[in-house]
Amino acid sequence: MIMNGLSTYMMGFEQEPAQGWNYWRWYFIKEHLSGILCGAAIIFVLFGLVLYGWVELFKNLKKH
């Protein structure tokens, strides 16, 4: 009986939160939306610059 109670107490952190996982997922997204968007914008700009560099390189190679 003691082991069952202890096991239930120790496994409590793995249970679904009272608000549900969907609540906490949207809470995290709303709290960190600006950081997520800034990170995505930085990655997008860097990818664009690399792509532009490759396009210009191939244009210059075709001319010569």
Protein backbone atom coordinates (compact mmCIF):
# COMPACT_ATOMS: atom_id res chain seq x y z
CA MET A 1 0.00 0.00 0.00
CA ILE A 2 2.82 2.39 0.84
CA MET A 3 4.61 1.57 -2.40
CA ASN A 4 1.45 2.18 -4.43
CA GLY A 5 0.96 5.58 -2.78
CA LEU A 6 4.61 6.50 -3.27
CA SER A 7 4.50 5.38 -6.88
CA THR A 8 1.39 7.48 -7.52
CA TYR A 9 3.03 10.49 -5.86
CA MET A 10 6.26 10.11 -7.83
CA MET A 11 4.47 9.65 -11.17
CA GLY A 12 2.34 12.78 -10.71
CA PHE A 13 4.67 14.97 -12.77
CA GLU A 14 4.06 12.82 -15.86
CA GLN A 15 0.32 13.36 -15.81
CA GLU A 16 -1.35 15.83 -18.15
CA PRO A 17 -1.58 19.34 -16.66
CA ALA A 18 -4.95 20.52 -15.46
CA GLN A 19 -5.22 23.04 -18.32
CA GLY A 20 -4.17 20.48 -20.95
CA TRP A 21 -1.19 20.37 -23.28
CA ASN A 22 -2.91 22.47 -25.95
CA TYR A 23 -3.27 25.38 -23.48
CA TRP A 24 0.42 25.34 -22.59
CA ARG A 25 1.53 25.00 -26.23
CA TRP A 26 -0.45 28.11 -27.23
CA TYR A 27 0.70 29.92 -24.07
CA PHE A 28 4.34 29.31 -25.02
CA ILE A 29 3.74 30.42 -28.62
CA LYS A 30 1.96 33.63 -27.53
CA GLU A 31 4.64 34.48 -24.97
CA HIS A 32 7.55 33.90 -27.36
CA LEU A 33 5.99 34.90 -30.68
CA SER A 34 8.28 37.89 -31.25
CA GLY A 35 11.40 35.78 -30.65
CA ILE A 36 10.13 33.03 -32.91
CA LEU A 37 9.36 35.52 -35.69
CA CYS A 38 12.72 37.29 -35.32
CA GLY A 39 14.58 33.99 -35.49
CA ALA A 40 12.63 32.95 -38.59
CA ALA A 41 13.29 36.34 -40.21
CA ILE A 42 17.04 36.09 -39.54
CA ILE A 43 17.19 32.60 -41.03
CA PHE A 44 15.13 33.72 -44.04
CA VAL A 45 17.39 36.74 -44.69
CA LEU A 46 20.57 34.67 -44.37
CA PHE A 47 19.16 32.05 -46.74
CA GLY A 48 18.22 34.80 -49.19
CA LEU A 49 21.71 36.30 -49.08
CA VAL A 50 23.35 32.92 -49.71
CA LEU A 51 20.96 32.21 -52.57
CA TYR A 52 21.63 35.66 -54.07
CA GLY A 53 25.37 35.05 -53.83
CA TRP A 54 25.11 31.71 -55.65
CA VAL A 55 22.93 33.24 -58.40
CA GLU A 56 25.39 36.09 -58.92
CA LEU A 57 28.31 33.67 -58.95
CA PHE A 58 26.71 31.55 -61.67
CA LYS A 59 25.83 34.68 -63.69
CA ASN A 60 29.47 35.79 -63.57
CA LEU A 61 30.71 32.32 -64.52
CA LYS A 62 28.39 32.26 -67.54
CA LYS A 63 29.71 35.63 -68.77
CA HIS A 64 33.33 34.44 -68.83
